Protein backbone atom coordinates (compact mmCIF):
# COMPACT_ATOMS: atom_id res chain seq x y z
CA MET A 1 64.96 -0.54 -33.12
CA ARG A 2 65.54 -4.19 -32.23
CA ASN A 3 66.04 -3.42 -28.53
CA ARG A 4 62.84 -1.34 -28.48
CA ILE A 5 60.87 -4.23 -29.96
CA LYS A 6 62.38 -6.63 -27.42
CA ARG A 7 61.33 -4.29 -24.60
CA LEU A 8 57.79 -4.12 -25.96
CA PHE A 9 57.57 -7.92 -26.15
CA ARG A 10 58.96 -8.33 -22.63
CA GLU A 11 56.43 -5.86 -21.23
CA ALA A 12 53.51 -7.56 -23.02
CA VAL A 13 54.60 -10.98 -21.72
CA ARG A 14 54.99 -9.56 -18.21
CA LEU A 15 51.45 -8.15 -18.31
CA HIS A 16 49.91 -11.43 -19.55
CA ARG A 17 52.05 -13.83 -17.52
CA SER A 18 49.37 -14.28 -14.84
CA GLU A 19 46.92 -15.60 -17.47
CA LEU A 20 48.90 -18.80 -17.98
CA ASN A 21 47.64 -21.94 -16.23
CA LYS A 22 51.12 -23.09 -15.30
CA PRO A 23 54.66 -21.67 -15.26
CA LEU A 24 56.32 -21.72 -18.66
CA THR A 25 59.45 -20.39 -20.26
CA VAL A 26 58.32 -18.13 -23.06
CA GLY A 27 60.45 -17.49 -26.13
CA VAL A 28 58.98 -15.20 -28.76
CA VAL A 29 60.39 -14.98 -32.27
CA PRO A 30 58.49 -12.47 -34.39
CA LYS A 31 58.31 -13.82 -37.94
CA THR A 32 56.35 -11.14 -39.74
CA ARG A 33 58.14 -8.05 -40.90
CA THR A 34 56.06 -4.96 -40.39
CA LYS A 35 56.75 -1.27 -40.52
CA LYS A 36 54.66 -0.58 -37.45
CA TRP A 37 55.60 -2.17 -34.13
CA ASP A 38 53.29 -0.62 -31.56
CA PHE A 39 52.60 -1.89 -28.09
CA GLU A 40 48.87 -2.38 -28.67
CA SER A 41 49.35 -4.83 -31.54
CA ILE A 42 52.14 -6.72 -29.76
CA ASP A 43 50.08 -6.90 -26.57
CA ALA A 44 47.06 -8.23 -28.47
CA GLU A 45 49.15 -10.93 -30.19
CA ILE A 46 50.75 -12.04 -26.90
CA GLY A 47 47.27 -12.24 -25.34
CA LYS A 48 46.04 -14.43 -28.22
CA MET A 49 49.13 -16.63 -27.97
CA PHE A 50 48.67 -17.20 -24.22
CA ASN A 51 44.97 -18.02 -24.71
CA LEU A 52 45.93 -20.60 -27.35
CA ILE A 53 48.52 -22.12 -25.00
CA ASN A 54 45.90 -22.40 -22.24
CA ARG A 55 43.33 -24.01 -24.56
CA ARG A 56 45.83 -26.58 -25.81
CA ASP A 57 46.97 -27.32 -22.26
CA THR A 58 43.36 -27.87 -21.16
CA ARG A 59 42.64 -30.24 -24.07
CA ALA A 60 45.80 -32.28 -23.40
CA LYS A 61 44.62 -33.28 -19.91
């Protein structure tokens, strides 16, 4: 189960990587325990996280 979740996170990060404004090392530590780990929800969360990173990076300049 853990390896499957790691693969899903890696794939979601790979798909959203081009949305980042600059190269970053991404480390994801899921903190919420859930019974349902599907790609759609992981992908949506990674997308939100990258958007937040971009907004904060833009404000810091």
